[in-house]
Amino acid sequence: MPQRIDLCEDIRQTGENFHADDKVQFVIDAVYAIAHALQAMKSTVCPDDAIETSWISRYSKKPDICHAMQTIDGDEFYQKYLLKVQFQ
């Protein structure tokens, strides 16, 4: 069997040599903040939405978003929901 030469072996990242940038946590927090704000908005403008209580599998049809959230006013979303997200 011929010897395999891995050209990328010298630059491979492992747990020993990987150090995440300090700013990565800000991106993670931003994603969580938007997710929590969207959830708060959904519970306010779509209180009767049944998606949260129904079982969805990978074979299910994609759930539809409620009509009230199909077009979102960015300024309203920012002021009423995103600015109110708090992490403990």
PDB file of N, CA and C in Angstrom:
ATOM      1  N   MET A   1       0.850  -1.175   0.000  1.00  0.00           N
ATOM      2  CA  MET A   1       0.000   0.000   0.000  1.00  0.00           C
ATOM      3  C   MET A   1       0.900   1.243   0.000  1.00  0.00           C
ATOM      4  N   PRO A   2       0.639   2.185  -0.911  1.00  0.00           N
ATOM      5  CA  PRO A   2       1.481   3.383  -0.961  1.00  0.00           C
ATOM      6  C   PRO A   2       1.293   4.256   0.272  1.00  0.00           C
ATOM      7  N   GLN A   3       2.361   4.915   0.644  1.00  0.00           N
ATOM      8  CA  GLN A   3       2.310   5.799   1.813  1.00  0.00           C
ATOM      9  C   GLN A   3       1.508   7.052   1.464  1.00  0.00           C
ATOM     10  N   ARG A   4       0.627   7.432   2.348  1.00  0.00           N
ATOM     11  CA  ARG A   4      -0.223   8.608   2.135  1.00  0.00           C
ATOM     12  C   ARG A   4       0.454   9.822   2.757  1.00  0.00           C
ATOM     13  N   ILE A   5       0.545  10.878   1.999  1.00  0.00           N
ATOM     14  CA  ILE A   5       1.138  12.110   2.508  1.00  0.00           C
ATOM     15  C   ILE A   5       0.027  13.140   2.657  1.00  0.00           C
ATOM     16  N   ASP A   6      -0.158  13.611   3.853  1.00  0.00           N
ATOM     17  CA  ASP A   6      -1.183  14.620   4.119  1.00  0.00           C
ATOM     18  C   ASP A   6      -0.523  15.995   4.078  1.00  0.00           C
ATOM     19  N   LEU A   7      -0.814  16.747   3.040  1.00  0.00           N
ATOM     20  CA  LEU A   7      -0.174  18.045   2.850  1.00  0.00           C
ATOM     21  C   LEU A   7      -0.608  19.078   3.879  1.00  0.00           C
ATOM     22  N   CYS A   8      -1.715  18.860   4.529  1.00  0.00           N
ATOM     23  CA  CYS A   8      -2.235  19.840   5.492  1.00  0.00           C
ATOM     24  C   CYS A   8      -1.865  19.506   6.935  1.00  0.00           C
ATOM     25  N   GLU A   9      -1.122  18.462   7.141  1.00  0.00           N
ATOM     26  CA  GLU A   9      -0.828  18.006   8.500  1.00  0.00           C
ATOM     27  C   GLU A   9      -0.162  19.085   9.347  1.00  0.00           C
ATOM     28  N   ASP A  10       0.682  19.899   8.748  1.00  0.00           N
ATOM     29  CA  ASP A  10       1.394  20.924   9.514  1.00  0.00           C
ATOM     30  C   ASP A  10       0.493  22.057   9.997  1.00  0.00           C
ATOM     31  N   ILE A  11      -0.629  22.270   9.331  1.00  0.00           N
ATOM     32  CA  ILE A  11      -1.502  23.390   9.718  1.00  0.00           C
ATOM     33  C   ILE A  11      -2.837  22.920  10.293  1.00  0.00           C
ATOM     34  N   ARG A  12      -2.944  21.649  10.587  1.00  0.00           N
ATOM     35  CA  ARG A  12      -4.186  21.100  11.131  1.00  0.00           C
ATOM     36  C   ARG A  12      -4.453  21.691  12.513  1.00  0.00           C
ATOM     37  N   GLN A  13      -5.713  22.041  12.768  1.00  0.00           N
ATOM     38  CA  GLN A  13      -6.086  22.610  14.063  1.00  0.00           C
ATOM     39  C   GLN A  13      -6.627  21.505  14.956  1.00  0.00           C
ATOM     40  N   THR A  14      -6.087  21.414  16.138  1.00  0.00           N
ATOM     41  CA  THR A  14      -6.553  20.458  17.129  1.00  0.00           C
ATOM     42  C   THR A  14      -6.921  21.225  18.385  1.00  0.00           C
ATOM     43  N   GLY A  15      -7.430  20.533  19.351  1.00  0.00           N
ATOM     44  CA  GLY A  15      -7.765  21.174  20.618  1.00  0.00           C
ATOM     45  C   GLY A  15      -6.555  21.783  21.301  1.00  0.00           C
ATOM     46  N   GLU A  16      -5.394  21.248  21.003  1.00  0.00           N
ATOM     47  CA  GLU A  16      -4.172  21.745  21.635  1.00  0.00           C
ATOM     48  C   GLU A  16      -3.703  23.078  21.064  1.00  0.00           C
ATOM     49  N   ASN A  17      -3.944  23.295  19.770  1.00  0.00           N
ATOM     50  CA  ASN A  17      -3.432  24.518  19.162  1.00  0.00           C
ATOM     51  C   ASN A  17      -4.526  25.486  18.706  1.00  0.00           C
ATOM     52  N   PHE A  18      -5.771  25.229  19.072  1.00  0.00           N
ATOM     53  CA  PHE A  18      -6.870  26.108  18.671  1.00  0.00           C
ATOM     54  C   PHE A  18      -7.217  27.062  19.803  1.00  0.00           C
ATOM     55  N   HIS A  19      -7.283  28.321  19.478  1.00  0.00           N
ATOM     56  CA  HIS A  19      -7.691  29.346  20.434  1.00  0.00           C
ATOM     57  C   HIS A  19      -8.703  30.250  19.746  1.00  0.00           C
ATOM     58  N   ALA A  20      -9.936  30.207  20.206  1.00  0.00           N
ATOM     59  CA  ALA A  20     -10.983  31.034  19.601  1.00  0.00           C
ATOM     60  C   ALA A  20     -10.703  32.505  19.858  1.00  0.00           C
ATOM     61  N   ASP A  21     -11.057  33.309  18.901  1.00  0.00           N
ATOM     62  CA  ASP A  21     -10.918  34.758  19.038  1.00  0.00           C
ATOM     63  C   ASP A  21     -11.810  35.225  20.184  1.00  0.00           C
ATOM     64  N   ASP A  22     -11.356  36.210  20.924  1.00  0.00           N
ATOM     65  CA  ASP A  22     -12.122  36.726  22.061  1.00  0.00           C
ATOM     66  C   ASP A  22     -13.477  37.285  21.642  1.00  0.00           C
ATOM     67  N   LYS A  23     -13.613  37.690  20.407  1.00  0.00           N
ATOM     68  CA  LYS A  23     -14.854  38.316  19.941  1.00  0.00           C
ATOM     69  C   LYS A  23     -15.940  37.304  19.573  1.00  0.00           C
ATOM     70  N   VAL A  24     -15.596  36.032  19.522  1.00  0.00           N
ATOM     71  CA  VAL A  24     -16.572  35.003  19.166  1.00  0.00           C
ATOM     72  C   VAL A  24     -17.742  35.012  20.144  1.00  0.00           C
ATOM     73  N   GLN A  25     -17.487  35.236  21.416  1.00  0.00           N
ATOM     74  CA  GLN A  25     -18.558  35.246  22.408  1.00  0.00           C
ATOM     75  C   GLN A  25     -19.568  36.355  22.130  1.00  0.00           C
ATOM     76  N   PHE A  26     -19.124  37.480  21.583  1.00  0.00           N
ATOM     77  CA  PHE A  26     -20.053  38.560  21.230  1.00  0.00           C
ATOM     78  C   PHE A  26     -21.007  38.117  20.129  1.00  0.00           C
ATOM     79  N   VAL A  27     -20.503  37.364  19.174  1.00  0.00           N
ATOM     80  CA  VAL A  27     -21.345  36.852  18.092  1.00  0.00           C
ATOM     81  C   VAL A  27     -22.356  35.858  18.648  1.00  0.00           C
ATOM     82  N   ILE A  28     -21.912  34.972  19.514  1.00  0.00           N
ATOM     83  CA  ILE A  28     -22.811  33.995  20.131  1.00  0.00           C
ATOM     84  C   ILE A  28     -23.900  34.709  20.922  1.00  0.00           C
ATOM     85  N   ASP A  29     -23.526  35.708  21.711  1.00  0.00           N
ATOM     86  CA  ASP A  29     -24.510  36.469  22.486  1.00  0.00           C
ATOM     87  C   ASP A  29     -25.499  37.186  21.578  1.00  0.00           C
ATOM     88  N   ALA A  30     -25.032  37.720  20.453  1.00  0.00           N
ATOM     89  CA  ALA A  30     -25.920  38.422  19.523  1.00  0.00           C
ATOM     90  C   ALA A  30     -26.941  37.470  18.917  1.00  0.00           C
ATOM     91  N   VAL A  31     -26.497  36.277  18.557  1.00  0.00           N
ATOM     92  CA  VAL A  31     -27.417  35.282  17.993  1.00  0.00           C
ATOM     93  C   VAL A  31     -28.469  34.890  19.026  1.00  0.00           C
ATOM     94  N   TYR A  32     -28.038  34.651  20.267  1.00  0.00           N
ATOM     95  CA  TYR A  32     -28.989  34.313  21.326  1.00  0.00           C
ATOM     96  C   TYR A  32     -29.956  35.468  21.588  1.00  0.00           C
ATOM     97  N   ALA A  33     -29.465  36.698  21.574  1.00  0.00           N
ATOM     98  CA  ALA A  33     -30.327  37.855  21.820  1.00  0.00           C
ATOM     99  C   ALA A  33     -31.403  37.961  20.750  1.00  0.00           C
ATOM    100  N   ILE A  34     -31.029  37.787  19.494  1.00  0.00           N
ATOM    101  CA  ILE A  34     -32.018  37.854  18.416  1.00  0.00           C
ATOM    102  C   ILE A  34     -33.013  36.708  18.540  1.00  0.00           C
ATOM    103  N   ALA A  35     -32.541  35.511  18.870  1.00  0.00           N
ATOM    104  CA  ALA A  35     -33.448  34.370  19.037  1.00  0.00           C
ATOM    105  C   ALA A  35     -34.439  34.614  20.169  1.00  0.00           C
ATOM    106  N   HIS A  36     -33.959  35.133  21.293  1.00  0.00           N
ATOM    107  CA  HIS A  36     -34.856  35.413  22.419  1.00  0.00           C
ATOM    108  C   HIS A  36     -35.836  36.531  22.078  1.00  0.00           C
ATOM    109  N   ALA A  37     -35.379  37.543  21.353  1.00  0.00           N
ATOM    110  CA  ALA A  37     -36.265  38.637  20.958  1.00  0.00           C
ATOM    111  C   ALA A  37     -37.336  38.142  19.993  1.00  0.00           C
ATOM    112  N   LEU A  38     -36.962  37.293  19.044  1.00  0.00           N
ATOM    113  CA  LEU A  38     -37.958  36.727  18.128  1.00  0.00           C
ATOM    114  C   LEU A  38     -38.968  35.865  18.881  1.00  0.00           C
ATOM    115  N   GLN A  39     -38.502  35.112  19.857  1.00  0.00           N
ATOM    116  CA  GLN A  39     -39.413  34.293  20.670  1.00  0.00           C
ATOM    117  C   GLN A  39     -40.380  35.171  21.454  1.00  0.00           C
ATOM    118  N   ALA A  40     -39.881  36.265  22.022  1.00  0.00           N
ATOM    119  CA  ALA A  40     -40.751  37.185  22.761  1.00  0.00           C
ATOM    120  C   ALA A  40     -41.772  37.819  21.827  1.00  0.00           C
ATOM    121  N   MET A  41     -41.329  38.211  20.648  1.00  0.00           N
ATOM    122  CA  MET A  41     -42.249  38.802  19.678  1.00  0.00           C
ATOM    123  C   MET A  41     -43.305  37.789  19.262  1.00  0.00           C
ATOM    124  N   LYS A  42     -42.884  36.556  19.012  1.00  0.00           N
ATOM    125  CA  LYS A  42     -43.825  35.506  18.605  1.00  0.00           C
ATOM    126  C   LYS A  42     -44.870  35.258  19.682  1.00  0.00           C
ATOM    127  N   SER A  43     -44.462  35.221  20.934  1.00  0.00           N
ATOM    128  CA  SER A  43     -45.441  34.967  21.997  1.00  0.00           C
ATOM    129  C   SER A  43     -46.395  36.141  22.177  1.00  0.00           C
ATOM    130  N   THR A  44     -45.972  37.345  21.781  1.00  0.00           N
ATOM    131  CA  THR A  44     -46.847  38.514  21.878  1.00  0.00           C
ATOM    132  C   THR A  44     -47.808  38.606  20.697  1.00  0.00           C
ATOM    133  N   VAL A  45     -47.276  38.511  19.476  1.00  0.00           N
ATOM    134  CA  VAL A  45     -48.120  38.742  18.296  1.00  0.00           C
ATOM    135  C   VAL A  45     -48.784  37.478  17.771  1.00  0.00           C
ATOM    136  N   CYS A  46     -48.334  36.310  18.194  1.00  0.00           N
ATOM    137  CA  CYS A  46     -48.919  35.035  17.749  1.00  0.00           C
ATOM    138  C   CYS A  46     -49.188  34.138  18.958  1.00  0.00           C
ATOM    139  N   PRO A  47     -49.993  34.581  19.916  1.00  0.00           N
ATOM    140  CA  PRO A  47     -50.156  33.801  21.150  1.00  0.00           C
ATOM    141  C   PRO A  47     -50.811  32.437  20.949  1.00  0.00           C
ATOM    142  N   ASP A  48     -51.575  32.273  19.888  1.00  0.00           N
ATOM    143  CA  ASP A  48     -52.280  31.008  19.672  1.00  0.00           C
ATOM    144  C   ASP A  48     -51.543  30.075  18.717  1.00  0.00           C
ATOM    145  N   ASP A  49     -50.306  30.391  18.397  1.00  0.00           N
ATOM    146  CA  ASP A  49     -49.531  29.563  17.486  1.00  0.00           C
ATOM    147  C   ASP A  49     -49.249  28.220  18.148  1.00  0.00           C
ATOM    148  N   ALA A  50     -49.499  27.139  17.438  1.00  0.00           N
ATOM    149  CA  ALA A  50     -49.384  25.798  18.022  1.00  0.00           C
ATOM    150  C   ALA A  50     -48.052  25.121  17.722  1.00  0.00           C
ATOM    151  N   ILE A  51     -47.137  25.792  17.060  1.00  0.00           N
ATOM    152  CA  ILE A  51     -45.877  25.139  16.690  1.00  0.00           C
ATOM    153  C   ILE A  51     -45.104  24.682  17.918  1.00  0.00           C
ATOM    154  N   GLU A  52     -45.089  25.474  18.970  1.00  0.00           N
ATOM    155  CA  GLU A  52     -44.317  25.127  20.163  1.00  0.00           C
ATOM    156  C   GLU A  52     -44.796  23.843  20.820  1.00  0.00           C
ATOM    157  N   THR A  53     -46.070  23.546  20.688  1.00  0.00           N
ATOM    158  CA  THR A  53     -46.615  22.387  21.386  1.00  0.00           C
ATOM    159  C   THR A  53     -46.807  21.183  20.476  1.00  0.00           C
ATOM    160  N   SER A  54     -46.452  21.302  19.205  1.00  0.00           N
ATOM    161  CA  SER A  54     -46.637  20.169  18.303  1.00  0.00           C
ATOM    162  C   SER A  54     -45.294  19.523  17.977  1.00  0.00           C
ATOM    163  N   TRP A  55     -45.330  18.234  17.721  1.00  0.00           N
ATOM    164  CA  TRP A  55     -44.119  17.486  17.416  1.00  0.00           C
ATOM    165  C   TRP A  55     -43.772  17.689  15.948  1.00  0.00           C
ATOM    166  N   ILE A  56     -42.507  18.042  15.680  1.00  0.00           N
ATOM    167  CA  ILE A  56     -42.047  18.240  14.311  1.00  0.00           C
ATOM    168  C   ILE A  56     -40.877  17.297  14.084  1.00  0.00           C
ATOM    169  N   SER A  57     -40.984  16.473  13.054  1.00  0.00           N
ATOM    170  CA  SER A  57     -39.868  15.588  12.711  1.00  0.00           C
ATOM    171  C   SER A  57     -39.246  16.077  11.407  1.00  0.00           C
ATOM    172  N   ARG A  58     -38.165  15.456  11.015  1.00  0.00           N
ATOM    173  CA  ARG A  58     -37.523  15.884   9.774  1.00  0.00           C
ATOM    174  C   ARG A  58     -38.374  15.574   8.553  1.00  0.00           C
ATOM    175  N   TYR A  59     -39.382  14.720   8.716  1.00  0.00           N
ATOM    176  CA  TYR A  59     -40.257  14.364   7.608  1.00  0.00           C
ATOM    177  C   TYR A  59     -41.513  15.236   7.565  1.00  0.00           C
ATOM    178  N   SER A  60     -41.710  16.060   8.578  1.00  0.00           N
ATOM    179  CA  SER A  60     -42.874  16.942   8.611  1.00  0.00           C
ATOM    180  C   SER A  60     -42.699  18.055   7.594  1.00  0.00           C
ATOM    181  N   LYS A  61     -43.823  18.597   7.160  1.00  0.00           N
ATOM    182  CA  LYS A  61     -43.717  19.770   6.296  1.00  0.00           C
ATOM    183  C   LYS A  61     -43.238  20.939   7.133  1.00  0.00           C
ATOM    184  N   LYS A  62     -42.529  21.840   6.499  1.00  0.00           N
ATOM    185  CA  LYS A  62     -41.975  22.994   7.197  1.00  0.00           C
ATOM    186  C   LYS A  62     -43.115  23.808   7.803  1.00  0.00           C
ATOM    187  N   PRO A  63     -43.049  24.113   9.094  1.00  0.00           N
ATOM    188  CA  PRO A  63     -44.128  24.888   9.712  1.00  0.00           C
ATOM    189  C   PRO A  63     -44.148  26.317   9.172  1.00  0.00           C
ATOM    190  N   ASP A  64     -45.341  26.843   9.017  1.00  0.00           N
ATOM    191  CA  ASP A  64     -45.500  28.221   8.556  1.00  0.00           C
ATOM    192  C   ASP A  64     -45.409  29.163   9.739  1.00  0.00           C
ATOM    193  N   ILE A  65     -44.806  30.294   9.504  1.00  0.00           N
ATOM    194  CA  ILE A  65     -44.744  31.321  10.537  1.00  0.00           C
ATOM    195  C   ILE A  65     -46.099  32.028  10.563  1.00  0.00           C
ATOM    196  N   CYS A  66     -46.504  32.509  11.717  1.00  0.00           N
ATOM    197  CA  CYS A  66     -47.806  33.162  11.809  1.00  0.00           C
ATOM    198  C   CYS A  66     -47.815  34.429  10.956  1.00  0.00           C
ATOM    199  N   HIS A  67     -48.985  34.812  10.521  1.00  0.00           N
ATOM    200  CA  HIS A  67     -49.144  35.944   9.602  1.00  0.00           C
ATOM    201  C   HIS A  67     -48.553  37.232  10.167  1.00  0.00           C
ATOM    202  N   ALA A  68     -48.703  37.464  11.453  1.00  0.00           N
ATOM    203  CA  ALA A  68     -48.234  38.715  12.061  1.00  0.00           C
ATOM    204  C   ALA A  68     -46.713  38.858  12.013  1.00  0.00           C
ATOM    205  N   MET A  69     -45.989  37.752  11.860  1.00  0.00           N
ATOM    206  CA  MET A  69     -44.522  37.828  11.837  1.00  0.00           C
ATOM    207  C   MET A  69     -43.936  37.694  10.436  1.00  0.00           C
ATOM    208  N   GLN A  70     -44.779  37.643   9.420  1.00  0.00           N
ATOM    209  CA  GLN A  70     -44.248  37.493   8.068  1.00  0.00           C
ATOM    210  C   GLN A  70     -43.538  38.747   7.587  1.00  0.00           C
ATOM    211  N   THR A  71     -43.963  39.895   8.050  1.00  0.00           N
ATOM    212  CA  THR A  71     -43.235  41.138   7.781  1.00  0.00           C
ATOM    213  C   THR A  71     -42.988  41.803   9.126  1.00  0.00           C
ATOM    214  N   ILE A  72     -41.731  42.032   9.421  1.00  0.00           N
ATOM    215  CA  ILE A  72     -41.355  42.596  10.717  1.00  0.00           C
ATOM    216  C   ILE A  72     -40.805  43.999  10.503  1.00  0.00           C
ATOM    217  N   ASP A  73     -41.326  44.943  11.259  1.00  0.00           N
ATOM    218  CA  ASP A  73     -40.790  46.302  11.259  1.00  0.00           C
ATOM    219  C   ASP A  73     -39.517  46.277  12.107  1.00  0.00           C
ATOM    220  N   GLY A  74     -38.378  46.507  11.479  1.00  0.00           N
ATOM    221  CA  GLY A  74     -37.096  46.400  12.166  1.00  0.00           C
ATOM    222  C   GLY A  74     -36.961  47.327  13.356  1.00  0.00           C
ATOM    223  N   ASP A  75     -37.435  48.566  13.217  1.00  0.00           N
ATOM    224  CA  ASP A  75     -37.332  49.519  14.323  1.00  0.00           C
ATOM    225  C   ASP A  75     -38.186  49.075  15.507  1.00  0.00           C
ATOM    226  N   GLU A  76     -39.393  48.605  15.215  1.00  0.00           N
ATOM    227  CA  GLU A  76     -40.275  48.119  16.286  1.00  0.00           C
ATOM    228  C   GLU A  76     -39.665  46.890  16.967  1.00  0.00           C
ATOM    229  N   PHE A  77     -39.133  45.971  16.166  1.00  0.00           N
ATOM    230  CA  PHE A  77     -38.494  44.779  16.723  1.00  0.00           C
ATOM    231  C   PHE A  77     -37.335  45.173  17.633  1.00  0.00           C
ATOM    232  N   TYR A  78     -36.531  46.113  17.180  1.00  0.00           N
ATOM    233  CA  TYR A  78     -35.375  46.563  17.954  1.00  0.00           C
ATOM    234  C   TYR A  78     -35.803  47.214  19.265  1.00  0.00           C
ATOM    235  N   GLN A  79     -36.760  48.145  19.185  1.00  0.00           N
ATOM    236  CA  GLN A  79     -37.176  48.905  20.370  1.00  0.00           C
ATOM    237  C   GLN A  79     -37.969  48.057  21.367  1.00  0.00           C
ATOM    238  N   LYS A  80     -38.942  47.287  20.859  1.00  0.00           N
ATOM    239  CA  LYS A  80     -39.862  46.573  21.756  1.00  0.00           C
ATOM    240  C   LYS A  80     -39.338  45.227  22.250  1.00  0.00           C
ATOM    241  N   TYR A  81     -38.450  44.608  21.484  1.00  0.00           N
ATOM    242  CA  TYR A  81     -38.056  43.243  21.840  1.00  0.00           C
ATOM    243  C   TYR A  81     -36.548  43.072  22.055  1.00  0.00           C
ATOM    244  N   LEU A  82     -35.750  43.496  21.087  1.00  0.00           N
ATOM    245  CA  LEU A  82     -34.311  43.237  21.174  1.00  0.00           C
ATOM    246  C   LEU A  82     -33.649  43.984  22.324  1.00  0.00           C
ATOM    247  N   LEU A  83     -34.025  45.239  22.532  1.00  0.00           N
ATOM    248  CA  LEU A  83     -33.421  46.009  23.621  1.00  0.00           C
ATOM    249  C   LEU A  83     -33.826  45.500  25.006  1.00  0.00           C
ATOM    250  N   LYS A  84     -34.889  44.711  25.073  1.00  0.00           N
ATOM    251  CA  LYS A  84     -35.376  44.211  26.364  1.00  0.00           C
ATOM    252  C   LYS A  84     -34.813  42.838  26.732  1.00  0.00           C
ATOM    253  N   VAL A  85     -34.034  42.250  25.841  1.00  0.00           N
ATOM    254  CA  VAL A  85     -33.429  40.948  26.142  1.00  0.00           C
ATOM    255  C   VAL A  85     -32.352  41.144  27.200  1.00  0.00           C
ATOM    256  N   GLN A  86     -32.398  40.292  28.221  1.00  0.00           N
ATOM    257  CA  GLN A  86     -31.398  40.345  29.284  1.00  0.00           C
ATOM    258  C   GLN A  86     -30.877  38.938  29.549  1.00  0.00           C
ATOM    259  N   PHE A  87     -29.581  38.848  29.776  1.00  0.00           N
ATOM    260  CA  PHE A  87     -28.956  37.581  30.135  1.00  0.00           C
ATOM    261  C   PHE A  87     -28.545  37.642  31.595  1.00  0.00           C
ATOM    262  N   GLN A  88     -28.692  36.528  32.306  1.00  0.00           N
ATOM    263  CA  GLN A  88     -28.272  36.464  33.703  1.00  0.00           C
ATOM    264  C   GLN A  88     -26.827  36.061  33.776  1.00  0.00           C
TER     265      GLN A  88
END
